[in-house]
PDB file of N, CA and C in Angstrom:
ATOM      1  N   MET A   1     135.928   8.579-104.352  1.00  0.00           N
ATOM      2  CA  MET A   1     135.373   9.662-105.165  1.00  0.00           C
ATOM      3  C   MET A   1     136.017  11.001-104.768  1.00  0.00           C
ATOM      4  N   ARG A   2     136.151  11.197-103.468  1.00  0.00           N
ATOM      5  CA  ARG A   2     136.778  12.453-103.042  1.00  0.00           C
ATOM      6  C   ARG A   2     138.244  12.492-103.473  1.00  0.00           C
ATOM      7  N   ARG A   3     138.921  11.324-103.421  1.00  0.00           N
ATOM      8  CA  ARG A   3     140.325  11.281-103.787  1.00  0.00           C
ATOM      9  C   ARG A   3     140.498  11.617-105.273  1.00  0.00           C
ATOM     10  N   THR A   4     139.648  11.061-106.132  1.00  0.00           N
ATOM     11  CA  THR A   4     139.755  11.375-107.566  1.00  0.00           C
ATOM     12  C   THR A   4     139.505  12.870-107.788  1.00  0.00           C
ATOM     13  N   HIS A   5     138.589  13.450-107.016  1.00  0.00           N
ATOM     14  CA  HIS A   5     138.301  14.886-107.186  1.00  0.00           C
ATOM     15  C   HIS A   5     139.555  15.713-106.853  1.00  0.00           C
ATOM     16  N   THR A   6     140.250  15.348-105.762  1.00  0.00           N
ATOM     17  CA  THR A   6     141.435  16.118-105.378  1.00  0.00           C
ATOM     18  C   THR A   6     142.533  15.953-106.428  1.00  0.00           C
ATOM     19  N   THR A   7     142.691  14.741-106.957  1.00  0.00           N
ATOM     20  CA  THR A   7     143.740  14.553-107.964  1.00  0.00           C
ATOM     21  C   THR A   7     143.418  15.352-109.216  1.00  0.00           C
ATOM     22  N   SER A   8     142.152  15.368-109.638  1.00  0.00           N
ATOM     23  CA  SER A   8     141.793  16.146-110.825  1.00  0.00           C
ATOM     24  C   SER A   8     142.007  17.637-110.553  1.00  0.00           C
ATOM     25  N   ALA A   9     141.721  18.080-109.332  1.00  0.00           N
ATOM     26  CA  ALA A   9     141.904  19.493-109.000  1.00  0.00           C
ATOM     27  C   ALA A   9     143.393  19.849-109.066  1.00  0.00           C
ATOM     28  N   THR A  10     144.230  18.984-108.493  1.00  0.00           N
ATOM     29  CA  THR A  10     145.670  19.282-108.536  1.00  0.00           C
ATOM     30  C   THR A  10     146.165  19.239-109.982  1.00  0.00           C
ATOM     31  N   LYS A  11     145.623  18.318-110.786  1.00  0.00           N
ATOM     32  CA  LYS A  11     146.051  18.232-112.188  1.00  0.00           C
ATOM     33  C   LYS A  11     145.663  19.512-112.937  1.00  0.00           C
ATOM     34  N   SER A  12     144.427  19.986-112.719  1.00  0.00           N
ATOM     35  CA  SER A  12     144.002  21.208-113.395  1.00  0.00           C
ATOM     36  C   SER A  12     144.858  22.384-112.923  1.00  0.00           C
ATOM     37  N   ARG A  13     145.194  22.422-111.640  1.00  0.00           N
ATOM     38  CA  ARG A  13     146.036  23.503-111.141  1.00  0.00           C
ATOM     39  C   ARG A  13     147.420  23.426-111.792  1.00  0.00           C
ATOM     40  N   HIS A  14     147.942  22.215-111.957  1.00  0.00           N
ATOM     41  CA  HIS A  14     149.245  22.051-112.593  1.00  0.00           C
ATOM     42  C   HIS A  14     149.194  22.520-114.049  1.00  0.00           C
ATOM     43  N   ASN A  15     148.111  22.149-114.749  1.00  0.00           N
ATOM     44  CA  ASN A  15     147.968  22.591-116.142  1.00  0.00           C
ATOM     45  C   ASN A  15     147.869  24.109-116.214  1.00  0.00           C
ATOM     46  N   ARG A  16     147.140  24.690-115.268  1.00  0.00           N
ATOM     47  CA  ARG A  16     147.021  26.145-115.267  1.00  0.00           C
ATOM     48  C   ARG A  16     148.393  26.779-115.034  1.00  0.00           C
ATOM     49  N   HIS A  17     149.187  26.189-114.151  1.00  0.00           N
ATOM     50  CA  HIS A  17     150.530  26.720-113.902  1.00  0.00           C
ATOM     51  C   HIS A  17     151.380  26.643-115.174  1.00  0.00           C
ATOM     52  N   ILE A  18     151.271  25.535-115.910  1.00  0.00           N
ATOM     53  CA  ILE A  18     152.023  25.394-117.160  1.00  0.00           C
ATOM     54  C   ILE A  18     151.553  26.450-118.161  1.00  0.00           C
ATOM     55  N   GLN A  19     150.238  26.677-118.249  1.00  0.00           N
ATOM     56  CA  GLN A  19     149.733  27.695-119.169  1.00  0.00           C
ATOM     57  C   GLN A  19     150.241  29.074-118.773  1.00  0.00           C
ATOM     58  N   ASP A  20     150.290  29.381-117.479  1.00  0.00           N
ATOM     59  CA  ASP A  20     150.807  30.681-117.030  1.00  0.00           C
ATOM     60  C   ASP A  20     152.280  30.817-117.399  1.00  0.00           C
ATOM     61  N   ALA A  21     153.053  29.740-117.229  1.00  0.00           N
ATOM     62  CA  ALA A  21     154.470  29.794-117.579  1.00  0.00           C
ATOM     63  C   ALA A  21     154.633  30.027-119.085  1.00  0.00           C
ATOM     64  N   ASN A  22     153.822  29.334-119.896  1.00  0.00           N
ATOM     65  CA  ASN A  22     153.905  29.535-121.348  1.00  0.00           C
ATOM     66  C   ASN A  22     153.514  30.954-121.714  1.00  0.00           C
ATOM     67  N   ARG A  23     152.462  31.477-121.076  1.00  0.00           N
ATOM     68  CA  ARG A  23     152.033  32.827-121.382  1.00  0.00           C
ATOM     69  C   ARG A  23     153.128  33.820-120.997  1.00  0.00           C
ATOM     70  N   LYS A  24     153.761  33.588-119.847  1.00  0.00           N
ATOM     71  CA  LYS A  24     154.831  34.488-119.407  1.00  0.00           C
ATOM     72  C   LYS A  24     155.990  34.440-120.402  1.00  0.00           C
ATOM     73  N   ARG A  25     156.342  33.224-120.873  1.00  0.00           N
ATOM     74  CA  ARG A  25     157.439  33.100-121.836  1.00  0.00           C
ATOM     75  C   ARG A  25     157.073  33.832-123.126  1.00  0.00           C
ATOM     76  N   TRP A  26     155.806  33.713-123.557  1.00  0.00           N
ATOM     77  CA  TRP A  26     155.401  34.403-124.794  1.00  0.00           C
ATOM     78  C   TRP A  26     155.452  35.915-124.601  1.00  0.00           C
ATOM     79  N   VAL A  27     155.048  36.385-123.436  1.00  0.00           N
ATOM     80  CA  VAL A  27     155.093  37.832-123.174  1.00  0.00           C
ATOM     81  C   VAL A  27     156.535  38.307-123.198  1.00  0.00           C
ATOM     82  N   ILE A  28     157.444  37.524-122.589  1.00  0.00           N
ATOM     83  CA  ILE A  28     158.864  37.913-122.579  1.00  0.00           C
ATOM     84  C   ILE A  28     159.395  37.966-124.009  1.00  0.00           C
ATOM     85  N   SER A  29     159.065  36.972-124.841  1.00  0.00           N
ATOM     86  CA  SER A  29     159.547  36.973-126.229  1.00  0.00           C
ATOM     87  C   SER A  29     158.934  38.141-126.997  1.00  0.00           C
ATOM     88  N   ASP A  30     157.633  38.439-126.734  1.00  0.00           N
ATOM     89  CA  ASP A  30     156.992  39.580-127.416  1.00  0.00           C
ATOM     90  C   ASP A  30     157.645  40.894-127.012  1.00  0.00           C
ATOM     91  N   LEU A  31     158.192  40.968-125.801  1.00  0.00           N
ATOM     92  CA  LEU A  31     158.865  42.197-125.381  1.00  0.00           C
ATOM     93  C   LEU A  31     160.307  42.237-125.879  1.00  0.00           C
ATOM     94  N   VAL A  32     160.962  41.081-125.919  1.00  0.00           N
ATOM     95  CA  VAL A  32     162.387  41.063-126.270  1.00  0.00           C
ATOM     96  C   VAL A  32     162.590  41.329-127.754  1.00  0.00           C
ATOM     97  N   VAL A  33     161.743  40.761-128.610  1.00  0.00           N
ATOM     98  CA  VAL A  33     161.964  40.901-130.056  1.00  0.00           C
ATOM     99  C   VAL A  33     161.867  42.360-130.509  1.00  0.00           C
ATOM    100  N   PRO A  34     160.813  43.115-130.178  1.00  0.00           N
ATOM    101  CA  PRO A  34     160.795  44.527-130.586  1.00  0.00           C
ATOM    102  C   PRO A  34     161.912  45.332-129.925  1.00  0.00           C
ATOM    103  N   ALA A  35     162.227  45.035-128.674  1.00  0.00           N
ATOM    104  CA  ALA A  35     163.312  45.751-128.003  1.00  0.00           C
ATOM    105  C   ALA A  35     164.636  45.475-128.710  1.00  0.00           C
ATOM    106  N   PHE A  36     164.838  44.232-129.175  1.00  0.00           N
ATOM    107  CA  PHE A  36     166.067  43.896-129.899  1.00  0.00           C
ATOM    108  C   PHE A  36     166.139  44.677-131.206  1.00  0.00           C
ATOM    109  N   PHE A  37     165.011  44.759-131.924  1.00  0.00           N
ATOM    110  CA  PHE A  37     165.007  45.514-133.190  1.00  0.00           C
ATOM    111  C   PHE A  37     165.244  47.001-132.940  1.00  0.00           C
ATOM    112  N   ILE A  38     164.641  47.536-131.898  1.00  0.00           N
ATOM    113  CA  ILE A  38     164.840  48.957-131.589  1.00  0.00           C
ATOM    114  C   ILE A  38     166.300  49.213-131.227  1.00  0.00           C
ATOM    115  N   ALA A  39     166.885  48.331-130.425  1.00  0.00           N
ATOM    116  CA  ALA A  39     168.295  48.493-130.056  1.00  0.00           C
ATOM    117  C   ALA A  39     169.178  48.386-131.296  1.00  0.00           C
ATOM    118  N   LEU A  40     168.834  47.491-132.221  1.00  0.00           N
ATOM    119  CA  LEU A  40     169.614  47.346-133.451  1.00  0.00           C
ATOM    120  C   LEU A  40     169.529  48.629-134.277  1.00  0.00           C
ATOM    121  N   CYS A  41     168.333  49.203-134.408  1.00  0.00           N
ATOM    122  CA  CYS A  41     168.185  50.453-135.165  1.00  0.00           C
ATOM    123  C   CYS A  41     168.976  51.581-134.504  1.00  0.00           C
ATOM    124  N   ILE A  42     168.902  51.666-133.180  1.00  0.00           N
ATOM    125  CA  ILE A  42     169.646  52.716-132.470  1.00  0.00           C
ATOM    126  C   ILE A  42     171.143  52.519-132.680  1.00  0.00           C
ATOM    127  N   LEU A  43     171.597  51.268-132.658  1.00  0.00           N
ATOM    128  CA  LEU A  43     173.025  50.991-132.852  1.00  0.00           C
ATOM    129  C   LEU A  43     173.455  51.405-134.251  1.00  0.00           C
ATOM    130  N   VAL A  44     172.656  51.094-135.278  1.00  0.00           N
ATOM    131  CA  VAL A  44     172.996  51.458-136.658  1.00  0.00           C
ATOM    132  C   VAL A  44     173.032  52.980-136.797  1.00  0.00           C
ATOM    133  N   VAL A  45     172.030  53.663-136.257  1.00  0.00           N
ATOM    134  CA  VAL A  45     172.006  55.133-136.343  1.00  0.00           C
ATOM    135  C   VAL A  45     173.202  55.720-135.609  1.00  0.00           C
ATOM    136  N   PHE A  46     173.535  55.134-134.459  1.00  0.00           N
ATOM    137  CA  PHE A  46     174.669  55.641-133.683  1.00  0.00           C
ATOM    138  C   PHE A  46     175.972  55.474-134.465  1.00  0.00           C
ATOM    139  N   MET A  47     176.162  54.314-135.100  1.00  0.00           N
ATOM    140  CA  MET A  47     177.377  54.077-135.880  1.00  0.00           C
ATOM    141  C   MET A  47     177.436  55.025-137.077  1.00  0.00           C
ATOM    142  N   LEU A  48     176.306  55.229-137.757  1.00  0.00           N
ATOM    143  CA  LEU A  48     176.293  56.137-138.913  1.00  0.00           C
ATOM    144  C   LEU A  48     176.584  57.572-138.470  1.00  0.00           C
ATOM    145  N   SER A  49     176.013  57.993-137.360  1.00  0.00           N
ATOM    146  CA  SER A  49     176.252  59.358-136.884  1.00  0.00           C
ATOM    147  C   SER A  49     177.702  59.509-136.417  1.00  0.00           C
ATOM    148  N   ASN A  50     178.302  58.423-135.947  1.00  0.00           N
ATOM    149  CA  ASN A  50     179.715  58.499-135.560  1.00  0.00           C
ATOM    150  C   ASN A  50     180.601  58.599-136.790  1.00  0.00           C
ATOM    151  N   GLU A  51     180.233  57.921-137.881  1.00  0.00           N
ATOM    152  CA  GLU A  51     181.036  57.982-139.100  1.00  0.00           C
ATOM    153  C   GLU A  51     180.948  59.370-139.729  1.00  0.00           C
ATOM    154  N   LEU A  52     179.757  59.985-139.666  1.00  0.00           N
ATOM    155  CA  LEU A  52     179.605  61.321-140.241  1.00  0.00           C
ATOM    156  C   LEU A  52     180.310  62.356-139.355  1.00  0.00           C
ATOM    157  N   PRO A  53     180.811  63.437-139.952  1.00  0.00           N
ATOM    158  CA  PRO A  53     181.421  64.496-139.146  1.00  0.00           C
ATOM    159  C   PRO A  53     180.359  65.210-138.326  1.00  0.00           C
ATOM    160  N   THR A  54     180.539  65.234-137.013  1.00  0.00           N
ATOM    161  CA  THR A  54     179.533  65.836-136.141  1.00  0.00           C
ATOM    162  C   THR A  54     179.653  67.357-136.197  1.00  0.00           C
ATOM    163  N   PRO A  55     178.552  68.058-136.490  1.00  0.00           N
ATOM    164  CA  PRO A  55     178.605  69.526-136.509  1.00  0.00           C
ATOM    165  C   PRO A  55     178.717  70.085-135.104  1.00  0.00           C
ATOM    166  N   MET A  56     179.780  70.786-134.820  1.00  0.00           N
ATOM    167  CA  MET A  56     179.973  71.364-133.492  1.00  0.00           C
ATOM    168  C   MET A  56     179.613  72.852-133.546  1.00  0.00           C
TER     169      MET A  56
END
């Protein structure tokens, strides 16, 4: 009985670790996607401002 309890505890801990890894991956994707779009917008604005004659 004690042995089954320890195995279930380790299994739940393993599942929790997998959930933390998935949550971390989702957080990274949630941060990367908006950052990618912002970088893309900055790149487009930078290219357009380079094409236009810069007022000195």
